[in-house]
Amino acid sequence: MDLLATIGPNLGYQDLLPHSNEMNIGEGIRIRVLDLETIIAVKEQLAAEKDLAVLPILYQTLRQMKQ
């Protein structure tokens, strides 16, 4: 996320909200986390070396989740 609070192709909070899930991380603290498909799409669009390096792991994780 950049200083303007966008990621990828200028996706802001309202754009990403439908692609997130709320999670309880303890002691009544809840956060929103992007779904794996959206994380993959953003990393593909960014195409930075560090994003591309992790894509094979994310693809495998997604395949396993869908089994």
C-alpha atoms as a PDB file:
ATOM      1  CA  MET A   1       0.000   0.000   0.000  1.00  0.00           C
ATOM      2  CA  ASP A   2       1.380   3.421  -0.874  1.00  0.00           C
ATOM      3  CA  LEU A   3       1.085   6.707   0.976  1.00  0.00           C
ATOM      4  CA  LEU A   4      -2.119   7.510  -0.904  1.00  0.00           C
ATOM      5  CA  ALA A   5      -3.699   4.324   0.467  1.00  0.00           C
ATOM      6  CA  THR A   6      -3.937   2.526  -2.856  1.00  0.00           C
ATOM      7  CA  ILE A   7      -2.430  -0.677  -4.187  1.00  0.00           C
ATOM      8  CA  GLY A   8      -2.019  -2.109  -7.648  1.00  0.00           C
ATOM      9  CA  PRO A   9      -3.788  -0.089 -10.315  1.00  0.00           C
ATOM     10  CA  ASN A  10      -4.999   2.586  -7.856  1.00  0.00           C
ATOM     11  CA  LEU A  11      -7.291   0.264  -5.927  1.00  0.00           C
ATOM     12  CA  GLY A  12      -8.464   1.940  -2.756  1.00  0.00           C
ATOM     13  CA  TYR A  13     -10.203   0.665   0.359  1.00  0.00           C
ATOM     14  CA  GLN A  14     -13.697   0.803  -1.147  1.00  0.00           C
ATOM     15  CA  ASP A  15     -12.515  -1.090  -4.253  1.00  0.00           C
ATOM     16  CA  LEU A  16     -10.892  -3.805  -2.160  1.00  0.00           C
ATOM     17  CA  LEU A  17     -13.546  -4.175   0.534  1.00  0.00           C
ATOM     18  CA  PRO A  18     -15.640  -6.719  -1.431  1.00  0.00           C
ATOM     19  CA  HIS A  19     -12.469  -8.790  -1.904  1.00  0.00           C
ATOM     20  CA  SER A  20     -11.662  -9.058   1.786  1.00  0.00           C
ATOM     21  CA  ASN A  21     -12.712 -11.082   4.782  1.00  0.00           C
ATOM     22  CA  GLU A  22     -12.913 -10.015   8.390  1.00  0.00           C
ATOM     23  CA  MET A  23     -10.767 -12.018  10.797  1.00  0.00           C
ATOM     24  CA  ASN A  24     -10.601 -12.071  14.582  1.00  0.00           C
ATOM     25  CA  ILE A  25      -6.968 -11.918  15.658  1.00  0.00           C
ATOM     26  CA  GLY A  26      -7.630 -12.055  19.369  1.00  0.00           C
ATOM     27  CA  GLU A  27      -8.869 -10.039  22.312  1.00  0.00           C
ATOM     28  CA  GLY A  28     -11.749  -8.596  20.300  1.00  0.00           C
ATOM     29  CA  ILE A  29      -9.486  -7.227  17.579  1.00  0.00           C
ATOM     30  CA  ARG A  30     -10.862  -7.729  14.081  1.00  0.00           C
ATOM     31  CA  ILE A  31      -9.033  -6.920  10.847  1.00  0.00           C
ATOM     32  CA  ARG A  32      -9.857  -7.160   7.155  1.00  0.00           C
ATOM     33  CA  VAL A  33      -7.622  -9.367   4.997  1.00  0.00           C
ATOM     34  CA  LEU A  34      -7.624  -9.522   1.207  1.00  0.00           C
ATOM     35  CA  ASP A  35      -8.658 -12.838  -0.313  1.00  0.00           C
ATOM     36  CA  LEU A  36      -5.903 -14.840  -1.966  1.00  0.00           C
ATOM     37  CA  GLU A  37      -7.214 -14.305  -5.513  1.00  0.00           C
ATOM     38  CA  THR A  38      -6.980 -10.534  -5.064  1.00  0.00           C
ATOM     39  CA  ILE A  39      -3.493 -10.723  -3.558  1.00  0.00           C
ATOM     40  CA  ILE A  40      -2.366 -12.765  -6.563  1.00  0.00           C
ATOM     41  CA  ALA A  41      -3.958 -10.350  -9.045  1.00  0.00           C
ATOM     42  CA  VAL A  42      -2.304  -7.336  -7.431  1.00  0.00           C
ATOM     43  CA  LYS A  43       1.107  -9.028  -7.354  1.00  0.00           C
ATOM     44  CA  GLU A  44       0.744 -10.001 -11.032  1.00  0.00           C
ATOM     45  CA  GLN A  45      -0.095  -6.400 -11.942  1.00  0.00           C
ATOM     46  CA  LEU A  46       2.767  -4.941  -9.912  1.00  0.00           C
ATOM     47  CA  ALA A  47       5.224  -7.446 -11.402  1.00  0.00           C
ATOM     48  CA  ALA A  48       8.047  -6.346  -9.098  1.00  0.00           C
ATOM     49  CA  GLU A  49      10.778  -8.938  -8.620  1.00  0.00           C
ATOM     50  CA  LYS A  50       9.711  -9.654  -5.030  1.00  0.00           C
ATOM     51  CA  ASP A  51       6.055 -10.023  -6.075  1.00  0.00           C
ATOM     52  CA  LEU A  52       6.865 -12.360  -8.953  1.00  0.00           C
ATOM     53  CA  ALA A  53       9.099 -14.476  -6.704  1.00  0.00           C
ATOM     54  CA  VAL A  54       6.254 -15.347  -4.349  1.00  0.00           C
ATOM     55  CA  LEU A  55       3.619 -16.053  -7.031  1.00  0.00           C
ATOM     56  CA  PRO A  56       4.391 -19.791  -7.441  1.00  0.00           C
ATOM     57  CA  ILE A  57       3.790 -20.306  -3.711  1.00  0.00           C
ATOM     58  CA  LEU A  58       0.543 -18.331  -3.835  1.00  0.00           C
ATOM     59  CA  TYR A  59      -0.675 -20.267  -6.906  1.00  0.00           C
ATOM     60  CA  GLN A  60       0.025 -23.568  -5.140  1.00  0.00           C
ATOM     61  CA  THR A  61      -1.738 -22.387  -1.979  1.00  0.00           C
ATOM     62  CA  LEU A  62      -4.782 -21.371  -4.031  1.00  0.00           C
ATOM     63  CA  ARG A  63      -4.867 -24.765  -5.780  1.00  0.00           C
ATOM     64  CA  GLN A  64      -4.733 -26.542  -2.429  1.00  0.00           C
ATOM     65  CA  MET A  65      -7.491 -24.347  -1.000  1.00  0.00           C
ATOM     66  CA  LYS A  66      -9.776 -25.242  -3.919  1.00  0.00           C
ATOM     67  CA  GLN A  67      -9.327 -29.007  -3.506  1.00  0.00           C
END
